[in-house]
C-alpha atoms as a PDB file:
ATOM      1  CA  MET A   1       4.306  16.280  16.641  1.00  0.00           C
ATOM      2  CA  VAL A   2       0.647  16.934  15.874  1.00  0.00           C
ATOM      3  CA  VAL A   3      -1.945  14.744  17.589  1.00  0.00           C
ATOM      4  CA  ARG A   4      -5.622  14.607  16.594  1.00  0.00           C
ATOM      5  CA  GLU A   5      -8.163  12.469  18.414  1.00  0.00           C
ATOM      6  CA  GLY A   6      -5.379  10.533  20.115  1.00  0.00           C
ATOM      7  CA  LYS A   7      -3.472   9.693  16.926  1.00  0.00           C
ATOM      8  CA  ILE A   8      -0.198  11.121  15.636  1.00  0.00           C
ATOM      9  CA  VAL A   9      -0.996  12.803  12.319  1.00  0.00           C
ATOM     10  CA  GLU A  10       2.228  14.713  11.620  1.00  0.00           C
ATOM     11  CA  VAL A  11       5.813  14.810  12.843  1.00  0.00           C
ATOM     12  CA  GLY A  12       8.346  17.517  12.054  1.00  0.00           C
ATOM     13  CA  GLU A  13      10.117  20.670  13.164  1.00  0.00           C
ATOM     14  CA  TYR A  14       8.153  23.056  15.393  1.00  0.00           C
ATOM     15  CA  SER A  15       8.937  25.977  13.081  1.00  0.00           C
ATOM     16  CA  GLU A  16       7.140  24.226  10.200  1.00  0.00           C
ATOM     17  CA  LEU A  17       4.301  22.586  12.107  1.00  0.00           C
ATOM     18  CA  SER A  18       3.374  25.724  14.065  1.00  0.00           C
ATOM     19  CA  VAL A  19       2.660  27.555  10.790  1.00  0.00           C
ATOM     20  CA  ARG A  20       0.724  24.694   9.170  1.00  0.00           C
ATOM     21  CA  PHE A  21      -1.296  23.814  12.266  1.00  0.00           C
ATOM     22  CA  SER A  22      -2.041  27.174  13.874  1.00  0.00           C
ATOM     23  CA  SER A  23      -5.554  26.245  15.014  1.00  0.00           C
ATOM     24  CA  GLY A  24      -5.099  27.628  18.496  1.00  0.00           C
ATOM     25  CA  GLY A  25      -5.026  24.209  20.116  1.00  0.00           C
ATOM     26  CA  PRO A  26      -2.865  23.566  23.166  1.00  0.00           C
ATOM     27  CA  ILE A  27       0.894  23.325  22.755  1.00  0.00           C
ATOM     28  CA  VAL A  28       2.673  21.071  25.233  1.00  0.00           C
ATOM     29  CA  HIS A  29       6.453  21.205  25.597  1.00  0.00           C
ATOM     30  CA  PHE A  30       8.034  17.948  26.772  1.00  0.00           C
ATOM     31  CA  LYS A  31      11.509  19.243  27.599  1.00  0.00           C
ATOM     32  CA  ASP A  32      14.176  16.557  27.992  1.00  0.00           C
ATOM     33  CA  SER A  33      11.600  13.836  27.306  1.00  0.00           C
ATOM     34  CA  LEU A  34      11.312  10.911  24.957  1.00  0.00           C
ATOM     35  CA  ILE A  35       7.944  10.415  23.287  1.00  0.00           C
ATOM     36  CA  MET A  36       7.329   6.952  21.914  1.00  0.00           C
ATOM     37  CA  PRO A  37       4.332   4.793  21.027  1.00  0.00           C
ATOM     38  CA  GLY A  38       3.015   2.035  23.216  1.00  0.00           C
ATOM     39  CA  PHE A  39       4.161  -1.437  22.355  1.00  0.00           C
ATOM     40  CA  ILE A  40       2.185  -4.649  22.050  1.00  0.00           C
ATOM     41  CA  ASP A  41       4.067  -7.867  22.641  1.00  0.00           C
ATOM     42  CA  SER A  42       2.985  -9.962  19.681  1.00  0.00           C
ATOM     43  CA  HIS A  43       5.807 -12.484  19.686  1.00  0.00           C
ATOM     44  CA  ILE A  44       5.180 -16.205  19.752  1.00  0.00           C
ATOM     45  CA  HIS A  45       7.238 -19.245  20.635  1.00  0.00           C
ATOM     46  CA  TYR A  46       6.779 -21.231  17.432  1.00  0.00           C
ATOM     47  CA  PRO A  47       6.901 -24.719  18.999  1.00  0.00           C
ATOM     48  CA  GLN A  48       4.015 -23.691  21.288  1.00  0.00           C
ATOM     49  CA  TYR A  49       1.584 -22.390  18.643  1.00  0.00           C
ATOM     50  CA  LYS A  50      -0.549 -25.561  18.700  1.00  0.00           C
ATOM     51  CA  VAL A  51      -1.199 -25.278  22.431  1.00  0.00           C
ATOM     52  CA  ILE A  52      -2.007 -21.572  22.698  1.00  0.00           C
ATOM     53  CA  SER A  53      -5.002 -21.152  25.026  1.00  0.00           C
ATOM     54  CA  SER A  54      -4.840 -24.755  26.246  1.00  0.00           C
ATOM     55  CA  TYR A  55      -6.438 -25.109  29.658  1.00  0.00           C
ATOM     56  CA  GLY A  56      -4.299 -25.417  32.780  1.00  0.00           C
ATOM     57  CA  THR A  57      -5.025 -24.556  36.399  1.00  0.00           C
ATOM     58  CA  SER A  58      -1.511 -23.199  36.881  1.00  0.00           C
ATOM     59  CA  LEU A  59       1.396 -22.149  34.737  1.00  0.00           C
ATOM     60  CA  LEU A  60       3.504 -25.137  35.770  1.00  0.00           C
ATOM     61  CA  GLU A  61       0.672 -27.557  34.972  1.00  0.00           C
ATOM     62  CA  TRP A  62       0.170 -25.948  31.571  1.00  0.00           C
ATOM     63  CA  LEU A  63       3.890 -26.084  30.817  1.00  0.00           C
ATOM     64  CA  ASN A  64       4.218 -29.728  31.863  1.00  0.00           C
ATOM     65  CA  LYS A  65       1.007 -30.966  30.241  1.00  0.00           C
ATOM     66  CA  TYR A  66       1.042 -29.058  26.950  1.00  0.00           C
ATOM     67  CA  THR A  67       4.012 -26.850  26.217  1.00  0.00           C
ATOM     68  CA  PHE A  68       6.987 -29.025  27.091  1.00  0.00           C
ATOM     69  CA  VAL A  69       5.352 -31.994  25.336  1.00  0.00           C
ATOM     70  CA  GLU A  70       4.893 -29.935  22.147  1.00  0.00           C
ATOM     71  CA  GLU A  71       8.507 -28.760  22.205  1.00  0.00           C
ATOM     72  CA  GLN A  72      10.020 -32.262  22.312  1.00  0.00           C
END
């Protein structure tokens, strides 16, 4: 994997990438490791979309006052 400025720019076999990207930059070997991107939880509960960001002093108050009402 080739990373430039914090972004993955190429993925492939070391034998190919080492020839194409021989700039002298650091090579890091992550033996027995899994490299994966970060994840952003972008899911939504559809019945609650109208009350997203509704004010509530506590979770339970918010659920009782807005969310549960919307879901009925």
